PDB file of N, CA and C in Angstrom:
ATOM      1  N   MET A   1      15.968 -15.882 -13.166  1.00  0.00           N
ATOM      2  CA  MET A   1      14.650 -15.332 -13.269  1.00  0.00           C
ATOM      3  C   MET A   1      14.232 -15.167 -11.733  1.00  0.00           C
ATOM      4  N   LYS A   2      13.708 -14.075 -11.369  1.00  0.00           N
ATOM      5  CA  LYS A   2      13.153 -13.679 -10.024  1.00  0.00           C
ATOM      6  C   LYS A   2      11.797 -14.354  -9.897  1.00  0.00           C
ATOM      7  N   GLY A   3      11.777 -14.935  -8.756  1.00  0.00           N
ATOM      8  CA  GLY A   3      10.348 -15.564  -8.378  1.00  0.00           C
ATOM      9  C   GLY A   3       9.289 -14.622  -7.955  1.00  0.00           C
ATOM     10  N   LEU A   4       8.178 -15.127  -8.094  1.00  0.00           N
ATOM     11  CA  LEU A   4       6.883 -14.212  -7.536  1.00  0.00           C
ATOM     12  C   LEU A   4       6.895 -14.135  -6.031  1.00  0.00           C
ATOM     13  N   ARG A   5       6.595 -13.019  -5.581  1.00  0.00           N
ATOM     14  CA  ARG A   5       6.391 -12.922  -4.166  1.00  0.00           C
ATOM     15  C   ARG A   5       5.347 -13.735  -3.516  1.00  0.00           C
ATOM     16  N   ASP A   6       4.213 -13.893  -4.067  1.00  0.00           N
ATOM     17  CA  ASP A   6       3.051 -14.497  -3.592  1.00  0.00           C
ATOM     18  C   ASP A   6       2.144 -14.831  -4.801  1.00  0.00           C
ATOM     19  N   PRO A   7       2.570 -15.913  -5.473  1.00  0.00           N
ATOM     20  CA  PRO A   7       1.881 -16.311  -6.669  1.00  0.00           C
ATOM     21  C   PRO A   7       0.340 -16.714  -6.515  1.00  0.00           C
ATOM     22  N   GLU A   8      -0.020 -17.234  -5.303  1.00  0.00           N
ATOM     23  CA  GLU A   8      -1.342 -17.811  -5.105  1.00  0.00           C
ATOM     24  C   GLU A   8      -2.077 -16.641  -4.646  1.00  0.00           C
ATOM     25  N   GLY A   9      -1.678 -15.554  -4.309  1.00  0.00           N
ATOM     26  CA  GLY A   9      -2.421 -14.298  -3.645  1.00  0.00           C
ATOM     27  C   GLY A   9      -2.811 -14.489  -2.198  1.00  0.00           C
ATOM     28  N   ALA A  10      -2.182 -15.502  -1.474  1.00  0.00           N
ATOM     29  CA  ALA A  10      -2.636 -15.826  -0.089  1.00  0.00           C
ATOM     30  C   ALA A  10      -2.500 -14.616   0.709  1.00  0.00           C
ATOM     31  N   GLU A  11      -1.350 -13.747   0.599  1.00  0.00           N
ATOM     32  CA  GLU A  11      -1.155 -12.574   1.519  1.00  0.00           C
ATOM     33  C   GLU A  11      -2.411 -11.509   1.472  1.00  0.00           C
ATOM     34  N   VAL A  12      -2.633 -11.331   0.226  1.00  0.00           N
ATOM     35  CA  VAL A  12      -3.849 -10.294  -0.015  1.00  0.00           C
ATOM     36  C   VAL A  12      -5.164 -10.897   0.398  1.00  0.00           C
ATOM     37  N   SER A  13      -5.330 -12.160   0.128  1.00  0.00           N
ATOM     38  CA  SER A  13      -6.708 -12.870   0.515  1.00  0.00           C
ATOM     39  C   SER A  13      -6.773 -12.750   2.002  1.00  0.00           C
ATOM     40  N   ARG A  14      -5.811 -13.187   2.610  1.00  0.00           N
ATOM     41  CA  ARG A  14      -5.873 -12.990   4.092  1.00  0.00           C
ATOM     42  C   ARG A  14      -5.930 -11.614   4.727  1.00  0.00           C
ATOM     43  N   LEU A  15      -5.338 -10.814   4.049  1.00  0.00           N
ATOM     44  CA  LEU A  15      -5.515  -9.395   4.504  1.00  0.00           C
ATOM     45  C   LEU A  15      -6.897  -8.799   4.317  1.00  0.00           C
ATOM     46  N   LEU A  16      -7.518  -9.163   3.023  1.00  0.00           N
ATOM     47  CA  LEU A  16      -8.899  -8.769   2.913  1.00  0.00           C
ATOM     48  C   LEU A  16      -9.960  -9.486   3.771  1.00  0.00           C
ATOM     49  N   ALA A  17      -9.625 -10.685   4.111  1.00  0.00           N
ATOM     50  CA  ALA A  17     -10.528 -11.363   4.977  1.00  0.00           C
ATOM     51  C   ALA A  17     -10.452 -10.808   6.346  1.00  0.00           C
ATOM     52  N   ALA A  18      -9.415 -10.468   6.818  1.00  0.00           N
ATOM     53  CA  ALA A  18      -9.271  -9.967   8.034  1.00  0.00           C
ATOM     54  C   ALA A  18      -9.790  -8.593   8.310  1.00  0.00           C
ATOM     55  N   CYS A  19      -9.861  -7.828   7.144  1.00  0.00           N
ATOM     56  CA  CYS A  19     -10.105  -6.328   7.202  1.00  0.00           C
ATOM     57  C   CYS A  19     -10.618  -5.950   5.951  1.00  0.00           C
ATOM     58  N   PRO A  20     -12.052  -6.025   5.642  1.00  0.00           N
ATOM     59  CA  PRO A  20     -12.465  -5.781   4.324  1.00  0.00           C
ATOM     60  C   PRO A  20     -12.330  -4.200   3.982  1.00  0.00           C
ATOM     61  N   PHE A  21     -11.635  -4.028   2.787  1.00  0.00           N
ATOM     62  CA  PHE A  21     -11.309  -2.707   2.272  1.00  0.00           C
ATOM     63  C   PHE A  21     -12.314  -1.747   1.574  1.00  0.00           C
ATOM     64  N   PRO A  22     -13.338  -2.437   0.968  1.00  0.00           N
ATOM     65  CA  PRO A  22     -14.206  -1.614   0.119  1.00  0.00           C
ATOM     66  C   PRO A  22     -14.775  -0.513   0.935  1.00  0.00           C
ATOM     67  N   GLY A  23     -14.667   0.716   0.229  1.00  0.00           N
ATOM     68  CA  GLY A  23     -15.233   1.834   0.711  1.00  0.00           C
ATOM     69  C   GLY A  23     -14.261   2.602   1.806  1.00  0.00           C
ATOM     70  N   LYS A  24     -13.232   1.923   2.209  1.00  0.00           N
ATOM     71  CA  LYS A  24     -12.287   2.568   3.123  1.00  0.00           C
ATOM     72  C   LYS A  24     -11.232   3.423   2.633  1.00  0.00           C
ATOM     73  N   ARG A  25     -10.467   4.087   3.547  1.00  0.00           N
ATOM     74  CA  ARG A  25      -9.342   4.911   3.120  1.00  0.00           C
ATOM     75  C   ARG A  25      -8.183   4.186   3.835  1.00  0.00           C
ATOM     76  N   VAL A  26      -7.243   3.747   3.085  1.00  0.00           N
ATOM     77  CA  VAL A  26      -6.209   2.902   3.556  1.00  0.00           C
ATOM     78  C   VAL A  26      -4.891   3.620   3.621  1.00  0.00           C
ATOM     79  N   LEU A  27      -4.035   3.520   4.568  1.00  0.00           N
ATOM     80  CA  LEU A  27      -2.689   4.049   4.637  1.00  0.00           C
ATOM     81  C   LEU A  27      -1.794   2.908   4.734  1.00  0.00           C
ATOM     82  N   GLU A  28      -0.775   2.724   3.910  1.00  0.00           N
ATOM     83  CA  GLU A  28       0.111   1.604   4.021  1.00  0.00           C
ATOM     84  C   GLU A  28       1.441   2.286   4.358  1.00  0.00           C
ATOM     85  N   ILE A  29       2.011   2.110   5.550  1.00  0.00           N
ATOM     86  CA  ILE A  29       3.085   2.489   6.180  1.00  0.00           C
ATOM     87  C   ILE A  29       4.228   1.501   5.766  1.00  0.00           C
ATOM     88  N   GLY A  30       5.258   2.159   5.121  1.00  0.00           N
ATOM     89  CA  GLY A  30       6.384   1.255   4.628  1.00  0.00           C
ATOM     90  C   GLY A  30       6.060   0.466   3.408  1.00  0.00           C
ATOM     91  N   CYS A  31       5.423   1.161   2.357  1.00  0.00           N
ATOM     92  CA  CYS A  31       4.978   0.570   1.063  1.00  0.00           C
ATOM     93  C   CYS A  31       6.071  -0.050   0.188  1.00  0.00           C
ATOM     94  N   GLY A  32       7.149   0.516   0.381  1.00  0.00           N
ATOM     95  CA  GLY A  32       8.433   0.090  -0.327  1.00  0.00           C
ATOM     96  C   GLY A  32       8.161   0.367  -1.896  1.00  0.00           C
ATOM     97  N   SER A  33       8.353  -0.710  -2.609  1.00  0.00           N
ATOM     98  CA  SER A  33       8.211  -0.565  -4.088  1.00  0.00           C
ATOM     99  C   SER A  33       6.761  -0.665  -4.589  1.00  0.00           C
ATOM    100  N   GLY A  34       5.855  -1.031  -3.640  1.00  0.00           N
ATOM    101  CA  GLY A  34       4.466  -1.079  -4.025  1.00  0.00           C
ATOM    102  C   GLY A  34       3.985  -2.545  -4.310  1.00  0.00           C
ATOM    103  N   LYS A  35       4.769  -3.479  -4.025  1.00  0.00           N
ATOM    104  CA  LYS A  35       4.375  -4.905  -4.501  1.00  0.00           C
ATOM    105  C   LYS A  35       2.976  -5.370  -3.957  1.00  0.00           C
ATOM    106  N   LEU A  36       3.087  -5.103  -2.490  1.00  0.00           N
ATOM    107  CA  LEU A  36       1.823  -5.431  -1.856  1.00  0.00           C
ATOM    108  C   LEU A  36       0.639  -4.367  -2.317  1.00  0.00           C
ATOM    109  N   THR A  37       1.008  -3.154  -2.287  1.00  0.00           N
ATOM    110  CA  THR A  37       0.080  -2.054  -2.438  1.00  0.00           C
ATOM    111  C   THR A  37      -0.882  -2.271  -3.718  1.00  0.00           C
ATOM    112  N   TRP A  38      -0.131  -2.552  -4.853  1.00  0.00           N
ATOM    113  CA  TRP A  38      -0.744  -2.594  -5.985  1.00  0.00           C
ATOM    114  C   TRP A  38      -1.768  -3.966  -6.099  1.00  0.00           C
ATOM    115  N   LEU A  39      -1.414  -4.855  -5.253  1.00  0.00           N
ATOM    116  CA  LEU A  39      -2.213  -6.137  -5.253  1.00  0.00           C
ATOM    117  C   LEU A  39      -3.564  -5.856  -4.717  1.00  0.00           C
ATOM    118  N   TYR A  40      -3.814  -5.086  -3.732  1.00  0.00           N
ATOM    119  CA  TYR A  40      -5.189  -4.781  -3.182  1.00  0.00           C
ATOM    120  C   TYR A  40      -5.804  -3.464  -3.394  1.00  0.00           C
ATOM    121  N   ALA A  41      -4.928  -2.695  -4.146  1.00  0.00           N
ATOM    122  CA  ALA A  41      -5.348  -1.201  -4.337  1.00  0.00           C
ATOM    123  C   ALA A  41      -6.735  -0.869  -5.103  1.00  0.00           C
ATOM    124  N   ASP A  42      -7.123  -2.037  -5.597  1.00  0.00           N
ATOM    125  CA  ASP A  42      -8.460  -1.769  -6.386  1.00  0.00           C
ATOM    126  C   ASP A  42      -9.683  -1.890  -5.487  1.00  0.00           C
ATOM    127  N   GLN A  43      -9.392  -2.348  -4.219  1.00  0.00           N
ATOM    128  CA  GLN A  43     -10.467  -2.617  -3.159  1.00  0.00           C
ATOM    129  C   GLN A  43     -10.861  -1.408  -2.497  1.00  0.00           C
ATOM    130  N   PRO A  44     -10.090  -0.689  -1.866  1.00  0.00           N
ATOM    131  CA  PRO A  44     -10.521   0.482  -0.997  1.00  0.00           C
ATOM    132  C   PRO A  44     -10.921   1.657  -1.777  1.00  0.00           C
ATOM    133  N   ARG A  45     -11.537   2.531  -1.217  1.00  0.00           N
ATOM    134  CA  ARG A  45     -11.892   3.959  -1.811  1.00  0.00           C
ATOM    135  C   ARG A  45     -10.647   4.708  -2.261  1.00  0.00           C
ATOM    136  N   GLN A  46      -9.657   4.733  -1.342  1.00  0.00           N
ATOM    137  CA  GLN A  46      -8.448   5.469  -1.370  1.00  0.00           C
ATOM    138  C   GLN A  46      -7.289   4.656  -0.771  1.00  0.00           C
ATOM    139  N   VAL A  47      -6.059   4.695  -1.396  1.00  0.00           N
ATOM    140  CA  VAL A  47      -4.777   4.074  -0.857  1.00  0.00           C
ATOM    141  C   VAL A  47      -3.765   5.151  -1.113  1.00  0.00           C
ATOM    142  N   VAL A  48      -3.135   5.310   0.178  1.00  0.00           N
ATOM    143  CA  VAL A  48      -1.929   6.031   0.143  1.00  0.00           C
ATOM    144  C   VAL A  48      -0.889   5.247   0.802  1.00  0.00           C
ATOM    145  N   GLY A  49       0.312   5.193   0.114  1.00  0.00           N
ATOM    146  CA  GLY A  49       1.401   4.422   0.590  1.00  0.00           C
ATOM    147  C   GLY A  49       2.397   5.586   0.894  1.00  0.00           C
ATOM    148  N   ILE A  50       3.148   5.165   2.011  1.00  0.00           N
ATOM    149  CA  ILE A  50       4.304   6.027   2.500  1.00  0.00           C
ATOM    150  C   ILE A  50       5.461   5.234   2.686  1.00  0.00           C
ATOM    151  N   ASP A  51       6.877   5.669   2.369  1.00  0.00           N
ATOM    152  CA  ASP A  51       7.981   5.039   2.564  1.00  0.00           C
ATOM    153  C   ASP A  51       9.021   6.177   2.699  1.00  0.00           C
ATOM    154  N   PRO A  52      10.005   5.862   3.556  1.00  0.00           N
ATOM    155  CA  PRO A  52      11.119   6.830   3.644  1.00  0.00           C
ATOM    156  C   PRO A  52      12.108   6.832   2.428  1.00  0.00           C
ATOM    157  N   ALA A  53      12.055   5.858   1.715  1.00  0.00           N
ATOM    158  CA  ALA A  53      13.068   5.656   0.579  1.00  0.00           C
ATOM    159  C   ALA A  53      12.629   6.102  -0.863  1.00  0.00           C
ATOM    160  N   ALA A  54      13.129   7.202  -1.303  1.00  0.00           N
ATOM    161  CA  ALA A  54      12.672   7.707  -2.551  1.00  0.00           C
ATOM    162  C   ALA A  54      12.946   6.692  -3.626  1.00  0.00           C
ATOM    163  N   CYS A  55      13.995   5.979  -3.511  1.00  0.00           N
ATOM    164  CA  CYS A  55      14.179   5.064  -4.832  1.00  0.00           C
ATOM    165  C   CYS A  55      13.044   3.938  -4.696  1.00  0.00           C
ATOM    166  N   GLU A  56      12.572   3.574  -3.587  1.00  0.00           N
ATOM    167  CA  GLU A  56      11.424   2.577  -3.558  1.00  0.00           C
ATOM    168  C   GLU A  56      10.185   3.206  -4.110  1.00  0.00           C
ATOM    169  N   LEU A  57       9.905   4.394  -3.736  1.00  0.00           N
ATOM    170  CA  LEU A  57       8.743   5.075  -4.223  1.00  0.00           C
ATOM    171  C   LEU A  57       8.690   5.306  -5.681  1.00  0.00           C
ATOM    172  N   ARG A  58       9.940   5.583  -6.261  1.00  0.00           N
ATOM    173  CA  ARG A  58      10.129   5.592  -7.804  1.00  0.00           C
ATOM    174  C   ARG A  58       9.675   4.313  -8.274  1.00  0.00           C
ATOM    175  N   GLN A  59      10.153   3.355  -7.843  1.00  0.00           N
ATOM    176  CA  GLN A  59       9.923   1.949  -8.466  1.00  0.00           C
ATOM    177  C   GLN A  59       8.275   1.658  -8.255  1.00  0.00           C
ATOM    178  N   ALA A  60       7.617   2.095  -7.053  1.00  0.00           N
ATOM    179  CA  ALA A  60       6.268   1.908  -6.975  1.00  0.00           C
ATOM    180  C   ALA A  60       5.577   2.725  -7.972  1.00  0.00           C
ATOM    181  N   LYS A  61       5.911   3.973  -8.291  1.00  0.00           N
ATOM    182  CA  LYS A  61       5.355   4.797  -9.321  1.00  0.00           C
ATOM    183  C   LYS A  61       5.350   4.149 -10.615  1.00  0.00           C
ATOM    184  N   ALA A  62       6.540   3.677 -10.874  1.00  0.00           N
ATOM    185  CA  ALA A  62       6.705   2.981 -12.202  1.00  0.00           C
ATOM    186  C   ALA A  62       5.943   1.770 -12.374  1.00  0.00           C
ATOM    187  N   ASP A  63       5.610   1.009 -11.279  1.00  0.00           N
ATOM    188  CA  ASP A  63       4.804  -0.336 -11.316  1.00  0.00           C
ATOM    189  C   ASP A  63       3.368  -0.038 -11.123  1.00  0.00           C
ATOM    190  N   ARG A  64       3.015   1.085 -10.853  1.00  0.00           N
ATOM    191  CA  ARG A  64       1.637   1.354 -10.672  1.00  0.00           C
ATOM    192  C   ARG A  64       0.823   1.120 -11.844  1.00  0.00           C
ATOM    193  N   PRO A  65      -0.288   0.055 -11.638  1.00  0.00           N
ATOM    194  CA  PRO A  65      -1.072  -0.267 -12.800  1.00  0.00           C
ATOM    195  C   PRO A  65      -1.967   0.831 -13.218  1.00  0.00           C
ATOM    196  N   PRO A  66      -2.253   1.071 -14.515  1.00  0.00           N
ATOM    197  CA  PRO A  66      -3.061   2.130 -14.967  1.00  0.00           C
ATOM    198  C   PRO A  66      -4.451   2.012 -14.499  1.00  0.00           C
ATOM    199  N   SER A  67      -4.785   0.783 -14.066  1.00  0.00           N
ATOM    200  CA  SER A  67      -6.189   0.476 -13.567  1.00  0.00           C
ATOM    201  C   SER A  67      -6.392   1.018 -12.178  1.00  0.00           C
ATOM    202  N   ILE A  68      -5.363   1.401 -11.520  1.00  0.00           N
ATOM    203  CA  ILE A  68      -5.556   1.893 -10.148  1.00  0.00           C
ATOM    204  C   ILE A  68      -5.549   3.460 -10.048  1.00  0.00           C
ATOM    205  N   PRO A  69      -6.732   4.104 -10.180  1.00  0.00           N
ATOM    206  CA  PRO A  69      -6.596   5.598 -10.060  1.00  0.00           C
ATOM    207  C   PRO A  69      -6.659   6.125  -8.630  1.00  0.00           C
ATOM    208  N   ASN A  70      -6.867   5.279  -7.671  1.00  0.00           N
ATOM    209  CA  ASN A  70      -7.026   5.725  -6.336  1.00  0.00           C
ATOM    210  C   ASN A  70      -5.717   5.704  -5.403  1.00  0.00           C
ATOM    211  N   GLY A  71      -4.562   5.475  -6.045  1.00  0.00           N
ATOM    212  CA  GLY A  71      -3.317   5.201  -5.078  1.00  0.00           C
ATOM    213  C   GLY A  71      -2.532   6.362  -5.204  1.00  0.00           C
ATOM    214  N   GLY A  72      -1.999   6.729  -4.041  1.00  0.00           N
ATOM    215  CA  GLY A  72      -1.027   7.844  -3.832  1.00  0.00           C
ATOM    216  C   GLY A  72       0.184   7.550  -3.202  1.00  0.00           C
ATOM    217  N   LEU A  73       1.223   7.989  -3.441  1.00  0.00           N
ATOM    218  CA  LEU A  73       2.480   7.632  -2.711  1.00  0.00           C
ATOM    219  C   LEU A  73       3.068   8.907  -2.224  1.00  0.00           C
ATOM    220  N   LEU A  74       3.734   8.854  -1.114  1.00  0.00           N
ATOM    221  CA  LEU A  74       4.445   9.898  -0.503  1.00  0.00           C
ATOM    222  C   LEU A  74       5.680   9.539   0.301  1.00  0.00           C
ATOM    223  N   GLN A  75       6.703  10.228   0.215  1.00  0.00           N
ATOM    224  CA  GLN A  75       7.818   9.980   1.052  1.00  0.00           C
ATOM    225  C   GLN A  75       7.523  10.599   2.419  1.00  0.00           C
ATOM    226  N   ALA A  76       7.586   9.680   3.401  1.00  0.00           N
ATOM    227  CA  ALA A  76       7.449  10.084   4.732  1.00  0.00           C
ATOM    228  C   ALA A  76       7.831   8.922   5.696  1.00  0.00           C
ATOM    229  N   MET A  77       7.988   9.297   6.952  1.00  0.00           N
ATOM    230  CA  MET A  77       8.392   8.456   7.896  1.00  0.00           C
ATOM    231  C   MET A  77       7.151   7.981   8.909  1.00  0.00           C
ATOM    232  N   ALA A  78       7.056   6.765   9.394  1.00  0.00           N
ATOM    233  CA  ALA A  78       5.950   6.364  10.317  1.00  0.00           C
ATOM    234  C   ALA A  78       5.983   7.013  11.528  1.00  0.00           C
ATOM    235  N   GLU A  79       7.066   7.489  11.977  1.00  0.00           N
ATOM    236  CA  GLU A  79       7.279   8.204  13.189  1.00  0.00           C
ATOM    237  C   GLU A  79       6.747   9.546  13.187  1.00  0.00           C
ATOM    238  N   ALA A  80       6.475  10.093  11.887  1.00  0.00           N
ATOM    239  CA  ALA A  80       6.055  11.561  11.807  1.00  0.00           C
ATOM    240  C   ALA A  80       5.084  11.580  10.636  1.00  0.00           C
ATOM    241  N   LEU A  81       3.837  11.059  10.682  1.00  0.00           N
ATOM    242  CA  LEU A  81       2.853  10.987   9.614  1.00  0.00           C
ATOM    243  C   LEU A  81       2.382  12.263   9.233  1.00  0.00           C
ATOM    244  N   PRO A  82       2.442  12.610   8.089  1.00  0.00           N
ATOM    245  CA  PRO A  82       1.982  14.067   7.667  1.00  0.00           C
ATOM    246  C   PRO A  82       0.431  14.085   7.465  1.00  0.00           C
ATOM    247  N   PHE A  83      -0.323  13.393   8.280  1.00  0.00           N
ATOM    248  CA  PHE A  83      -1.788  13.501   8.047  1.00  0.00           C
ATOM    249  C   PHE A  83      -2.422  13.884   9.327  1.00  0.00           C
ATOM    250  N   LEU A  84      -3.638  14.428   9.211  1.00  0.00           N
ATOM    251  CA  LEU A  84      -4.347  14.582  10.430  1.00  0.00           C
ATOM    252  C   LEU A  84      -4.989  13.454  11.000  1.00  0.00           C
ATOM    253  N   SER A  85      -5.264  13.470  12.220  1.00  0.00           N
ATOM    254  CA  SER A  85      -6.062  12.213  12.836  1.00  0.00           C
ATOM    255  C   SER A  85      -7.316  11.852  12.083  1.00  0.00           C
ATOM    256  N   HIS A  86      -7.622  10.675  12.014  1.00  0.00           N
ATOM    257  CA  HIS A  86      -8.877  10.241  11.296  1.00  0.00           C
ATOM    258  C   HIS A  86      -8.942  10.388   9.905  1.00  0.00           C
ATOM    259  N   THR A  87      -7.884  10.519   9.284  1.00  0.00           N
ATOM    260  CA  THR A  87      -7.583  10.791   7.745  1.00  0.00           C
ATOM    261  C   THR A  87      -8.005   9.400   7.151  1.00  0.00           C
ATOM    262  N   PHE A  88      -7.462   8.321   7.787  1.00  0.00           N
ATOM    263  CA  PHE A  88      -7.631   7.013   7.262  1.00  0.00           C
ATOM    264  C   PHE A  88      -8.421   6.024   8.065  1.00  0.00           C
ATOM    265  N   ASP A  89      -9.050   5.172   7.602  1.00  0.00           N
ATOM    266  CA  ASP A  89      -9.981   4.105   8.261  1.00  0.00           C
ATOM    267  C   ASP A  89      -9.186   2.927   8.831  1.00  0.00           C
ATOM    268  N   ILE A  90      -7.982   2.573   7.950  1.00  0.00           N
ATOM    269  CA  ILE A  90      -7.227   1.368   8.078  1.00  0.00           C
ATOM    270  C   ILE A  90      -5.718   1.883   7.922  1.00  0.00           C
ATOM    271  N   ALA A  91      -4.905   1.504   8.887  1.00  0.00           N
ATOM    272  CA  ALA A  91      -3.474   1.701   8.640  1.00  0.00           C
ATOM    273  C   ALA A  91      -2.739   0.346   8.591  1.00  0.00           C
ATOM    274  N   LEU A  92      -2.037   0.029   7.530  1.00  0.00           N
ATOM    275  CA  LEU A  92      -1.212  -1.263   7.309  1.00  0.00           C
ATOM    276  C   LEU A  92       0.234  -0.919   7.749  1.00  0.00           C
ATOM    277  N   PHE A  93       0.962  -1.767   8.257  1.00  0.00           N
ATOM    278  CA  PHE A  93       2.201  -1.921   8.530  1.00  0.00           C
ATOM    279  C   PHE A  93       2.822  -3.247   8.410  1.00  0.00           C
ATOM    280  N   ALA A  94       2.732  -3.735   7.233  1.00  0.00           N
ATOM    281  CA  ALA A  94       2.982  -5.194   6.983  1.00  0.00           C
ATOM    282  C   ALA A  94       4.370  -5.412   6.041  1.00  0.00           C
ATOM    283  N   SER A  95       5.104  -6.281   6.432  1.00  0.00           N
ATOM    284  CA  SER A  95       6.302  -6.573   5.805  1.00  0.00           C
ATOM    285  C   SER A  95       7.311  -5.495   5.764  1.00  0.00           C
ATOM    286  N   SER A  96       7.276  -4.591   6.820  1.00  0.00           N
ATOM    287  CA  SER A  96       8.374  -3.616   6.984  1.00  0.00           C
ATOM    288  C   SER A  96       9.284  -3.856   8.152  1.00  0.00           C
ATOM    289  N   LEU A  97      10.454  -3.382   7.993  1.00  0.00           N
ATOM    290  CA  LEU A  97      11.478  -3.470   8.972  1.00  0.00           C
ATOM    291  C   LEU A  97      11.400  -2.462  10.097  1.00  0.00           C
TER     292      LEU A  97
END
């Protein structure tokens, strides 16, 4: 049996304490399979996760909770973001290599 990544929710609690998300537009760079993304995605106005790996994004889409209507996923590289400046209020780059 695979263990839970953060069963106490400490990672998300610390993240939200450091930077409140309500009403914000959040870009998560290197979202991978969305494990962190879907834990906080109910907080901001909009969430977009990017990752260069198509297989990770497929998993993130499969695991997306139906209660999260404001989350988008896109295959992209951090070195070449496909967004205009000031599109997002917050950019996360956590747990990425």
